[in-house]
Amino acid sequence: MSAQAGHSTRAVFLDRDGVLTIPLFREGRSFAPLTLEDFHLYPDIAEPLKELKRRGFLLVVVTNQPELGRGRLEPQTLVAMHRRLSAALPLDAIKICPHVPEDRCHCRKPLPGMLLEAAKEFEIDLAASYMVGDRAGDIAAGRAAGCRSIFVDLGYTAETQPRQPDAVVRSLQGAVDWILRDVAGP
């Protein structure tokens, strides 16, 4: 569907760690896995994502991976992780930011660079799209891009809570349920 033809392409932007994959937890915070042995998808997430695809949504992962920039995550390990993710889930794209916060790049969440890049690439109507994430930066990026934002609350105690998410849920399934209710309307 082309945006120019009067149709809009909707997307669900998904953070990777904490939404699709099980993060490592230490001291009230989550951390991305650095090895394939620690890289595990949440069980039962493929079906909710397939339902979004059936409803016409593109699925785009947008993930900060600063450990790549720090040299703690090997590039070939990240490629293998994303191959595994793409083989298991009906994803349309995976966008990564390899930068550390000090780089002040435009792509690192909470800035919306990865979402804007995908929107341009796939002609996505951001106002008809959603950002699902487990951190304040995910919600801020979605809001900055003009998407509705859904916070997956995993109970982190040492992280800033997001400001003004459109919804708060406990899992990807909860986010998908909320999206489907939202698009169905009253």
N, C-alpha and C. Protein backbone atom coordinates (compact mmCIF):
# COMPACT_ATOMS: atom_id res chain seq x y z
N MET A 1 0.84 -1.19 0.00
CA MET A 1 0.00 0.00 0.00
C MET A 1 0.87 1.24 0.00
N SER A 2 0.57 2.14 -0.80
CA SER A 2 1.34 3.37 -0.89
C SER A 2 0.61 4.51 -0.19
N ALA A 3 1.35 5.28 0.58
CA ALA A 3 0.75 6.43 1.26
C ALA A 3 0.23 7.43 0.24
N GLN A 4 0.87 7.52 -0.92
CA GLN A 4 0.43 8.46 -1.93
C GLN A 4 -0.90 8.04 -2.57
N ALA A 5 -1.23 6.76 -2.50
CA ALA A 5 -2.46 6.28 -3.11
C ALA A 5 -3.65 6.46 -2.18
N GLY A 6 -3.46 7.16 -1.05
CA GLY A 6 -4.56 7.40 -0.14
C GLY A 6 -4.66 6.34 0.95
N HIS A 7 -3.79 5.39 0.96
CA HIS A 7 -3.76 4.37 2.00
C HIS A 7 -2.60 4.67 2.93
N SER A 8 -2.69 4.16 4.13
CA SER A 8 -1.57 4.35 5.04
C SER A 8 -1.02 3.00 5.47
N THR A 9 0.27 2.95 5.56
CA THR A 9 0.93 1.76 6.07
C THR A 9 1.12 1.98 7.56
N ARG A 10 0.56 1.06 8.33
CA ARG A 10 0.69 1.13 9.78
C ARG A 10 1.81 0.19 10.21
N ALA A 11 2.45 0.57 11.32
CA ALA A 11 3.52 -0.27 11.85
C ALA A 11 3.41 -0.37 13.36
N VAL A 12 3.96 -1.45 13.87
CA VAL A 12 4.22 -1.56 15.30
C VAL A 12 5.73 -1.64 15.42
N PHE A 13 6.29 -0.64 16.09
CA PHE A 13 7.72 -0.61 16.38
C PHE A 13 7.92 -1.33 17.71
N LEU A 14 8.90 -2.21 17.74
CA LEU A 14 9.11 -3.05 18.92
C LEU A 14 10.54 -2.91 19.42
N ASP A 15 10.67 -2.59 20.70
CA ASP A 15 11.98 -2.68 21.31
C ASP A 15 12.34 -4.17 21.37
N ARG A 16 13.61 -4.48 21.36
CA ARG A 16 14.02 -5.90 21.36
C ARG A 16 14.07 -6.48 22.76
N ASP A 17 15.01 -6.00 23.57
CA ASP A 17 15.26 -6.59 24.88
C ASP A 17 14.21 -6.12 25.88
N GLY A 18 13.50 -7.06 26.46
CA GLY A 18 12.43 -6.75 27.40
C GLY A 18 11.06 -6.83 26.77
N VAL A 19 10.98 -6.76 25.44
CA VAL A 19 9.70 -6.89 24.74
C VAL A 19 9.66 -8.21 23.98
N LEU A 20 10.68 -8.47 23.19
CA LEU A 20 10.75 -9.71 22.41
C LEU A 20 11.67 -10.74 23.05
N THR A 21 12.74 -10.26 23.66
CA THR A 21 13.72 -11.17 24.26
C THR A 21 13.83 -10.91 25.76
N ILE A 22 14.22 -11.94 26.46
CA ILE A 22 14.32 -11.88 27.91
C ILE A 22 15.64 -11.20 28.28
N PRO A 23 15.56 -10.02 28.90
CA PRO A 23 16.80 -9.33 29.26
C PRO A 23 17.43 -9.98 30.49
N LEU A 24 18.66 -9.61 30.74
CA LEU A 24 19.33 -10.01 31.96
C LEU A 24 19.00 -8.96 33.01
N PHE A 25 18.76 -9.37 34.25
CA PHE A 25 18.38 -8.44 35.31
C PHE A 25 19.47 -8.39 36.38
N ARG A 26 19.83 -7.16 36.75
CA ARG A 26 20.77 -6.93 37.85
C ARG A 26 20.40 -5.62 38.53
N GLU A 27 20.30 -5.66 39.84
CA GLU A 27 20.12 -4.45 40.64
C GLU A 27 18.97 -3.57 40.14
N GLY A 28 17.84 -4.20 39.82
CA GLY A 28 16.66 -3.45 39.41
C GLY A 28 16.68 -2.91 38.01
N ARG A 29 17.64 -3.35 37.20
CA ARG A 29 17.75 -2.88 35.82
C ARG A 29 17.83 -4.07 34.88
N SER A 30 17.57 -3.80 33.63
CA SER A 30 17.71 -4.84 32.61
C SER A 30 18.93 -4.55 31.75
N PHE A 31 19.50 -5.61 31.23
CA PHE A 31 20.67 -5.51 30.36
C PHE A 31 20.49 -6.44 29.17
N ALA A 32 20.97 -6.01 28.02
CA ALA A 32 20.89 -6.83 26.83
C ALA A 32 21.88 -7.98 26.92
N PRO A 33 21.50 -9.15 26.41
CA PRO A 33 22.45 -10.26 26.38
C PRO A 33 23.62 -9.95 25.45
N LEU A 34 24.78 -10.48 25.81
CA LEU A 34 25.98 -10.27 25.00
C LEU A 34 26.44 -11.53 24.28
N THR A 35 25.79 -12.66 24.60
CA THR A 35 26.15 -13.94 23.97
C THR A 35 24.89 -14.62 23.45
N LEU A 36 25.09 -15.49 22.48
CA LEU A 36 23.96 -16.26 21.96
C LEU A 36 23.37 -17.17 23.03
N GLU A 37 24.21 -17.62 23.95
CA GLU A 37 23.73 -18.50 25.03
C GLU A 37 22.74 -17.78 25.95
N ASP A 38 22.88 -16.46 26.07
CA ASP A 38 21.99 -15.67 26.92
C ASP A 38 20.83 -15.05 26.14
N PHE A 39 20.75 -15.28 24.86
CA PHE A 39 19.74 -14.66 23.99
C PHE A 39 18.53 -15.59 23.87
N HIS A 40 17.43 -15.23 24.56
CA HIS A 40 16.23 -16.07 24.57
C HIS A 40 15.00 -15.22 24.28
N LEU A 41 14.16 -15.71 23.38
CA LEU A 41 12.90 -15.04 23.10
C LEU A 41 11.89 -15.41 24.18
N TYR A 42 10.99 -14.47 24.49
CA TYR A 42 9.88 -14.82 25.36
C TYR A 42 9.06 -15.90 24.67
N PRO A 43 8.55 -16.86 25.41
CA PRO A 43 7.71 -17.88 24.78
C PRO A 43 6.38 -17.26 24.34
N ASP A 44 5.78 -17.83 23.36
CA ASP A 44 4.43 -17.46 22.93
C ASP A 44 4.30 -16.04 22.40
N ILE A 45 5.35 -15.48 21.79
CA ILE A 45 5.22 -14.14 21.21
C ILE A 45 4.98 -14.16 19.71
N ALA A 46 5.22 -15.28 19.07
CA ALA A 46 5.05 -15.34 17.61
C ALA A 46 3.58 -15.15 17.21
N GLU A 47 2.65 -15.79 17.92
CA GLU A 47 1.24 -15.70 17.53
C GLU A 47 0.68 -14.28 17.64
N PRO A 48 0.93 -13.56 18.73
CA PRO A 48 0.43 -12.17 18.75
C PRO A 48 1.01 -11.32 17.62
N LEU A 49 2.28 -11.54 17.27
CA LEU A 49 2.86 -10.79 16.17
C LEU A 49 2.25 -11.19 14.83
N LYS A 50 1.97 -12.47 14.67
CA LYS A 50 1.29 -12.93 13.44
C LYS A 50 -0.09 -12.29 13.32
N GLU A 51 -0.77 -12.11 14.45
CA GLU A 51 -2.08 -11.46 14.42
C GLU A 51 -1.95 -10.01 13.95
N LEU A 52 -0.93 -9.31 14.42
CA LEU A 52 -0.71 -7.94 13.94
C LEU A 52 -0.44 -7.93 12.44
N LYS A 53 0.34 -8.89 11.95
CA LYS A 53 0.60 -8.99 10.50
C LYS A 53 -0.71 -9.22 9.74
N ARG A 54 -1.55 -10.12 10.27
CA ARG A 54 -2.84 -10.39 9.61
C ARG A 54 -3.70 -9.13 9.56
N ARG A 55 -3.52 -8.24 10.52
CA ARG A 55 -4.29 -6.99 10.56
C ARG A 55 -3.64 -5.89 9.75
N GLY A 56 -2.55 -6.22 9.04
CA GLY A 56 -1.95 -5.26 8.12
C GLY A 56 -0.83 -4.40 8.67
N PHE A 57 -0.33 -4.72 9.85
CA PHE A 57 0.77 -3.94 10.42
C PHE A 57 2.12 -4.45 9.94
N LEU A 58 3.03 -3.52 9.66
CA LEU A 58 4.44 -3.86 9.53
C LEU A 58 5.00 -4.00 10.93
N LEU A 59 5.99 -4.88 11.10
CA LEU A 59 6.63 -5.07 12.40
C LEU A 59 8.10 -4.71 12.27
N VAL A 60 8.51 -3.68 13.00
CA VAL A 60 9.87 -3.16 12.89
C VAL A 60 10.49 -3.11 14.29
N VAL A 61 11.58 -3.83 14.46
CA VAL A 61 12.33 -3.79 15.71
C VAL A 61 13.24 -2.57 15.67
N VAL A 62 13.24 -1.80 16.76
CA VAL A 62 14.13 -0.65 16.91
C VAL A 62 14.86 -0.83 18.23
N THR A 63 16.17 -1.05 18.16
CA THR A 63 16.91 -1.42 19.35
C THR A 63 18.23 -0.67 19.51
N ASN A 64 18.43 -0.10 20.70
CA ASN A 64 19.73 0.47 21.05
C ASN A 64 20.64 -0.69 21.43
N GLN A 65 21.82 -0.74 20.86
CA GLN A 65 22.82 -1.76 21.19
C GLN A 65 24.17 -1.11 21.45
N PRO A 66 24.27 -0.32 22.54
CA PRO A 66 25.51 0.41 22.81
C PRO A 66 26.70 -0.50 23.10
N GLU A 67 26.45 -1.72 23.52
CA GLU A 67 27.57 -2.62 23.81
C GLU A 67 28.34 -2.96 22.52
N LEU A 68 27.68 -2.83 21.38
CA LEU A 68 28.37 -2.98 20.09
C LEU A 68 29.39 -1.85 19.94
N GLY A 69 28.96 -0.63 20.22
CA GLY A 69 29.86 0.53 20.14
C GLY A 69 30.98 0.49 21.17
N ARG A 70 30.70 -0.13 22.30
CA ARG A 70 31.72 -0.25 23.35
C ARG A 70 32.67 -1.40 23.10
N GLY A 71 32.37 -2.24 22.12
CA GLY A 71 33.22 -3.39 21.82
C GLY A 71 32.96 -4.59 22.72
N ARG A 72 31.88 -4.57 23.48
CA ARG A 72 31.56 -5.70 24.37
C ARG A 72 30.65 -6.72 23.70
N LEU A 73 30.02 -6.34 22.58
CA LEU A 73 29.18 -7.24 21.80
C LEU A 73 29.81 -7.38 20.43
N GLU A 74 30.13 -8.61 20.06
CA GLU A 74 30.76 -8.86 18.76
C GLU A 74 29.73 -8.67 17.63
N PRO A 75 30.11 -8.00 16.55
CA PRO A 75 29.17 -7.80 15.44
C PRO A 75 28.56 -9.10 14.92
N GLN A 76 29.37 -10.16 14.81
CA GLN A 76 28.83 -11.42 14.30
C GLN A 76 27.84 -12.05 15.27
N THR A 77 27.98 -11.77 16.57
CA THR A 77 27.02 -12.26 17.56
C THR A 77 25.69 -11.54 17.38
N LEU A 78 25.74 -10.23 17.18
CA LEU A 78 24.52 -9.46 16.95
C LEU A 78 23.82 -9.94 15.68
N VAL A 79 24.57 -10.19 14.62
CA VAL A 79 23.98 -10.70 13.38
C VAL A 79 23.30 -12.05 13.63
N ALA A 80 23.95 -12.93 14.38
CA ALA A 80 23.37 -14.24 14.69
C ALA A 80 22.10 -14.09 15.54
N MET A 81 22.12 -13.16 16.49
CA MET A 81 20.93 -12.91 17.31
C MET A 81 19.76 -12.47 16.44
N HIS A 82 20.03 -11.58 15.51
CA HIS A 82 18.96 -11.04 14.68
C HIS A 82 18.50 -12.04 13.63
N ARG A 83 19.38 -12.93 13.21
CA ARG A 83 18.95 -14.04 12.33
C ARG A 83 17.97 -14.92 13.08
N ARG A 84 18.31 -15.23 14.33
CA ARG A 84 17.43 -16.07 15.16
C ARG A 84 16.08 -15.39 15.37
N LEU A 85 16.10 -14.10 15.64
CA LEU A 85 14.88 -13.32 15.85
C LEU A 85 14.02 -13.33 14.58
N SER A 86 14.64 -13.08 13.44
CA SER A 86 13.92 -13.03 12.16
C SER A 86 13.38 -14.40 11.75
N ALA A 87 14.08 -15.46 12.10
CA ALA A 87 13.61 -16.80 11.76
C ALA A 87 12.39 -17.19 12.59
N ALA A 88 12.30 -16.68 13.80
CA ALA A 88 11.22 -17.07 14.71
C ALA A 88 10.00 -16.17 14.63
N LEU A 89 10.18 -14.94 14.16
CA LEU A 89 9.10 -13.95 14.22
C LEU A 89 8.87 -13.33 12.84
N PRO A 90 7.64 -12.88 12.56
CA PRO A 90 7.32 -12.30 11.25
C PRO A 90 7.68 -10.81 11.16
N LEU A 91 8.97 -10.53 11.26
CA LEU A 91 9.44 -9.15 11.28
C LEU A 91 9.69 -8.63 9.87
N ASP A 92 9.46 -7.34 9.68
CA ASP A 92 9.74 -6.70 8.40
C ASP A 92 11.11 -6.04 8.36
N ALA A 93 11.60 -5.62 9.52
CA ALA A 93 12.92 -4.97 9.57
C ALA A 93 13.41 -4.94 11.01
N ILE A 94 14.73 -4.85 11.13
CA ILE A 94 15.37 -4.64 12.42
C ILE A 94 16.32 -3.47 12.24
N LYS A 95 16.09 -2.41 13.00
CA LYS A 95 16.92 -1.21 12.98
C LYS A 95 17.71 -1.19 14.29
N ILE A 96 19.01 -0.93 14.19
CA ILE A 96 19.82 -0.86 15.41
C ILE A 96 20.55 0.47 15.48
N CYS A 97 20.77 0.90 16.71
CA CYS A 97 21.66 2.02 17.00
C CYS A 97 22.83 1.44 17.78
N PRO A 98 24.03 1.45 17.22
CA PRO A 98 25.19 0.90 17.90
C PRO A 98 25.92 1.91 18.78
N HIS A 99 25.39 3.11 18.88
CA HIS A 99 26.11 4.21 19.53
C HIS A 99 25.92 4.22 21.04
N VAL A 100 26.91 4.77 21.73
CA VAL A 100 26.81 5.02 23.16
C VAL A 100 26.17 6.39 23.35
N PRO A 101 25.58 6.66 24.52
CA PRO A 101 24.89 7.95 24.71
C PRO A 101 25.77 9.16 24.41
N GLU A 102 27.06 9.06 24.72
CA GLU A 102 27.96 10.20 24.52
C GLU A 102 28.13 10.57 23.05
N ASP A 103 27.78 9.65 22.14
CA ASP A 103 27.91 9.94 20.70
C ASP A 103 26.89 10.98 20.23
N ARG A 104 25.80 11.13 20.98
CA ARG A 104 24.74 12.09 20.64
C ARG A 104 24.25 11.93 19.20
N CYS A 105 24.03 10.70 18.80
CA CYS A 105 23.54 10.43 17.45
C CYS A 105 22.03 10.70 17.37
N HIS A 106 21.51 10.72 16.17
CA HIS A 106 20.07 10.95 15.98
C HIS A 106 19.25 9.66 16.08
N CYS A 107 19.93 8.51 16.04
CA CYS A 107 19.18 7.25 15.99
C CYS A 107 18.94 6.64 17.36
N ARG A 108 19.71 7.02 18.37
CA ARG A 108 19.58 6.40 19.68
C ARG A 108 18.31 6.86 20.38
N LYS A 109 17.49 5.89 20.77
CA LYS A 109 16.32 6.24 21.58
C LYS A 109 16.81 6.85 22.89
N PRO A 110 16.25 7.94 23.34
CA PRO A 110 14.88 8.39 23.16
C PRO A 110 14.62 9.24 21.92
N LEU A 111 15.62 9.50 21.10
CA LEU A 111 15.36 10.21 19.85
C LEU A 111 14.70 9.26 18.85
N PRO A 112 13.93 9.78 17.93
CA PRO A 112 13.13 8.93 17.05
C PRO A 112 13.79 8.52 15.74
N GLY A 113 15.10 8.66 15.62
CA GLY A 113 15.77 8.44 14.34
C GLY A 113 15.48 7.10 13.68
N MET A 114 15.50 6.00 14.43
CA MET A 114 15.25 4.69 13.82
C MET A 114 13.81 4.59 13.32
N LEU A 115 12.86 5.16 14.05
CA LEU A 115 11.47 5.13 13.64
C LEU A 115 11.26 5.98 12.39
N LEU A 116 11.90 7.15 12.37
CA LEU A 116 11.77 8.03 11.20
C LEU A 116 12.40 7.40 9.96
N GLU A 117 13.54 6.73 10.15
CA GLU A 117 14.19 6.04 9.03
C GLU A 117 13.29 4.96 8.46
N ALA A 118 12.69 4.16 9.34
CA ALA A 118 11.78 3.10 8.88
C ALA A 118 10.54 3.70 8.22
N ALA A 119 10.04 4.79 8.77
CA ALA A 119 8.85 5.43 8.20
C ALA A 119 9.12 5.88 6.77
N LYS A 120 10.28 6.44 6.54
CA LYS A 120 10.64 6.88 5.20
C LYS A 120 10.82 5.67 4.27
N GLU A 121 11.52 4.66 4.75
CA GLU A 121 11.80 3.47 3.95
C GLU A 121 10.54 2.72 3.54
N PHE A 122 9.58 2.60 4.47
CA PHE A 122 8.39 1.78 4.22
C PHE A 122 7.12 2.60 4.03
N GLU A 123 7.22 3.92 3.94
CA GLU A 123 6.07 4.81 3.80
C GLU A 123 5.05 4.56 4.92
N ILE A 124 5.54 4.60 6.13
CA ILE A 124 4.72 4.34 7.31
C ILE A 124 4.03 5.62 7.77
N ASP A 125 2.76 5.50 8.07
CA ASP A 125 1.99 6.58 8.68
C ASP A 125 2.23 6.51 10.19
N LEU A 126 3.08 7.38 10.68
CA LEU A 126 3.46 7.32 12.10
C LEU A 126 2.29 7.58 13.03
N ALA A 127 1.36 8.42 12.64
CA ALA A 127 0.20 8.71 13.49
C ALA A 127 -0.72 7.50 13.64
N ALA A 128 -0.63 6.55 12.72
CA ALA A 128 -1.44 5.33 12.78
C ALA A 128 -0.64 4.15 13.32
N SER A 129 0.54 4.44 13.88
CA SER A 129 1.46 3.40 14.30
C SER A 129 1.68 3.42 15.82
N TYR A 130 2.37 2.40 16.29
CA TYR A 130 2.56 2.19 17.73
C TYR A 130 4.02 1.86 18.02
N MET A 131 4.49 2.29 19.20
CA MET A 131 5.81 1.93 19.71
C MET A 131 5.59 1.14 20.99
N VAL A 132 6.19 -0.06 21.08
CA VAL A 132 6.07 -0.90 22.27
C VAL A 132 7.46 -1.04 22.87
N GLY A 133 7.61 -0.63 24.14
CA GLY A 133 8.91 -0.72 24.78
C GLY A 133 8.82 -0.85 26.28
N ASP A 134 9.95 -1.22 26.88
CA ASP A 134 9.99 -1.46 28.32
C ASP A 134 10.79 -0.40 29.08
N ARG A 135 11.15 0.68 28.42
CA ARG A 135 11.93 1.74 29.05
C ARG A 135 11.38 3.11 28.66
N ALA A 136 11.73 4.09 29.49
CA ALA A 136 11.28 5.46 29.24
C ALA A 136 11.74 5.95 27.87
N GLY A 137 12.96 5.59 27.44
CA GLY A 137 13.46 6.03 26.15
C GLY A 137 12.66 5.51 24.98
N ASP A 138 12.11 4.31 25.11
CA ASP A 138 11.26 3.75 24.05
C ASP A 138 9.99 4.59 23.89
N ILE A 139 9.38 4.90 25.04
CA ILE A 139 8.14 5.66 25.02
C ILE A 139 8.40 7.07 24.48
N ALA A 140 9.50 7.69 24.91
CA ALA A 140 9.85 9.03 24.42
C ALA A 140 10.09 9.02 22.91
N ALA A 141 10.76 7.99 22.40
CA ALA A 141 11.01 7.91 20.96
C ALA A 141 9.70 7.77 20.19
N GLY A 142 8.82 6.93 20.67
CA GLY A 142 7.52 6.77 20.02
C GLY A 142 6.74 8.07 20.00
N ARG A 143 6.70 8.75 21.14
CA ARG A 143 5.97 10.01 21.21
C ARG A 143 6.60 11.06 20.29
N ALA A 144 7.94 11.12 20.26
CA ALA A 144 8.63 12.09 19.41
C ALA A 144 8.36 11.83 17.93
N ALA A 145 8.15 10.55 17.58
CA ALA A 145 7.86 10.20 16.19
C ALA A 145 6.39 10.40 15.84
N GLY A 146 5.55 10.60 16.84
CA GLY A 146 4.12 10.80 16.59
C GLY A 146 3.30 9.53 16.69
N CYS A 147 3.87 8.48 17.28
CA CYS A 147 3.16 7.20 17.45
C CYS A 147 2.46 7.16 18.80
N ARG A 148 1.50 6.27 18.92
CA ARG A 148 1.00 5.92 20.24
C ARG A 148 2.06 5.02 20.86
N SER A 149 2.27 5.15 22.17
CA SER A 149 3.33 4.41 22.83
C SER A 149 2.79 3.55 23.97
N ILE A 150 3.26 2.31 24.00
CA ILE A 150 2.79 1.34 24.98
C ILE A 150 3.99 0.88 25.80
N PHE A 151 3.87 1.05 27.12
CA PHE A 151 4.92 0.71 28.05
C PHE A 151 4.68 -0.69 28.61
N VAL A 152 5.65 -1.59 28.37
CA VAL A 152 5.62 -2.92 28.96
C VAL A 152 6.35 -2.80 30.30
N ASP A 153 5.59 -2.81 31.38
CA ASP A 153 6.14 -2.59 32.72
C ASP A 153 6.64 -3.91 33.29
N LEU A 154 7.95 -4.05 33.32
CA LEU A 154 8.58 -5.26 33.86
C LEU A 154 9.04 -5.07 35.30
N GLY A 155 8.64 -3.97 35.91
CA GLY A 155 8.94 -3.74 37.32
C GLY A 155 10.36 -3.33 37.62
N TYR A 156 11.04 -2.70 36.68
CA TYR A 156 12.39 -2.23 36.95
C TYR A 156 12.32 -1.20 38.09
N THR A 157 13.16 -1.36 39.09
CA THR A 157 13.13 -0.45 40.23
C THR A 157 14.22 0.61 40.16
N ALA A 158 15.20 0.44 39.31
CA ALA A 158 16.32 1.39 39.25
C ALA A 158 16.33 2.18 37.95
N GLU A 159 15.18 2.26 37.29
CA GLU A 159 15.10 3.00 36.03
C GLU A 159 13.97 4.01 36.11
N THR A 160 14.11 5.10 35.37
CA THR A 160 13.10 6.13 35.30
C THR A 160 11.85 5.59 34.63
N GLN A 161 10.71 5.90 35.21
CA GLN A 161 9.44 5.50 34.61
C GLN A 161 9.13 6.42 33.42
N PRO A 162 8.49 5.90 32.39
CA PRO A 162 8.19 6.74 31.22
C PRO A 162 7.13 7.79 31.55
N ARG A 163 7.18 8.85 30.79
CA ARG A 163 6.19 9.91 30.92
C ARG A 163 5.10 9.73 29.88
N GLN A 164 3.90 9.66 30.34
CA GLN A 164 2.70 9.67 29.50
C GLN A 164 2.64 8.61 28.41
N PRO A 165 2.85 7.33 28.76
CA PRO A 165 2.56 6.33 27.74
C PRO A 165 1.05 6.29 27.48
N ASP A 166 0.67 5.87 26.32
CA ASP A 166 -0.76 5.74 26.01
C ASP A 166 -1.37 4.56 26.73
N ALA A 167 -0.54 3.56 27.04
CA ALA A 167 -1.02 2.38 27.76
C ALA A 167 0.15 1.78 28.54
N VAL A 168 -0.19 1.10 29.62
CA VAL A 168 0.77 0.35 30.41
C VAL A 168 0.27 -1.09 30.48
N VAL A 169 1.14 -2.02 30.09
CA VAL A 169 0.79 -3.44 30.05
C VAL A 169 1.92 -4.23 30.70
N ARG A 170 1.73 -5.53 30.84
CA ARG A 170 2.74 -6.39 31.48
C ARG A 170 3.50 -7.28 30.50
N SER A 171 3.07 -7.30 29.22
CA SER A 171 3.68 -8.22 28.26
C SER A 171 3.39 -7.77 26.84
N LEU A 172 4.07 -8.42 25.89
CA LEU A 172 3.78 -8.16 24.48
C LEU A 172 2.34 -8.51 24.16
N GLN A 173 1.84 -9.61 24.71
CA GLN A 173 0.44 -9.99 24.46
C GLN A 173 -0.50 -8.88 24.92
N GLY A 174 -0.21 -8.28 26.09
CA GLY A 174 -1.02 -7.17 26.57
C GLY A 174 -0.96 -5.98 25.62
N ALA A 175 0.21 -5.71 25.08
CA ALA A 175 0.36 -4.61 24.11
C ALA A 175 -0.44 -4.88 22.85
N VAL A 176 -0.34 -6.09 22.34
CA VAL A 176 -1.09 -6.45 21.12
C VAL A 176 -2.59 -6.35 21.36
N ASP A 177 -3.04 -6.84 22.50
CA ASP A 177 -4.47 -6.74 22.83
C ASP A 177 -4.91 -5.27 22.85
N TRP A 178 -4.09 -4.40 23.45
CA TRP A 178 -4.43 -2.98 23.53
C TRP A 178 -4.47 -2.36 22.13
N ILE A 179 -3.49 -2.69 21.30
CA ILE A 179 -3.45 -2.14 19.93
C ILE A 179 -4.70 -2.56 19.17
N LEU A 180 -5.06 -3.83 19.25
CA LEU A 180 -6.21 -4.32 18.49
C LEU A 180 -7.50 -3.68 18.98
N ARG A 181 -7.64 -3.42 20.29
CA ARG A 181 -8.80 -2.71 20.80
C ARG A 181 -8.80 -1.26 20.31
N ASP A 182 -7.59 -0.65 20.29
CA ASP A 182 -7.48 0.74 19.86
C ASP A 182 -7.86 0.92 18.40
N VAL A 183 -7.42 0.02 17.54
CA VAL A 183 -7.76 0.17 16.11
C VAL A 183 -9.20 -0.19 15.84
N ALA A 184 -9.83 -0.99 16.70
CA ALA A 184 -11.23 -1.35 16.52
C ALA A 184 -12.13 -0.17 16.87
N GLY A 185 -11.63 0.69 17.76
CA GLY A 185 -12.41 1.86 18.15
C GLY A 185 -13.50 1.53 19.14
N PRO A 186 -14.30 2.55 19.50
CA PRO A 186 -15.37 2.35 20.49
C PRO A 186 -16.50 1.50 19.99
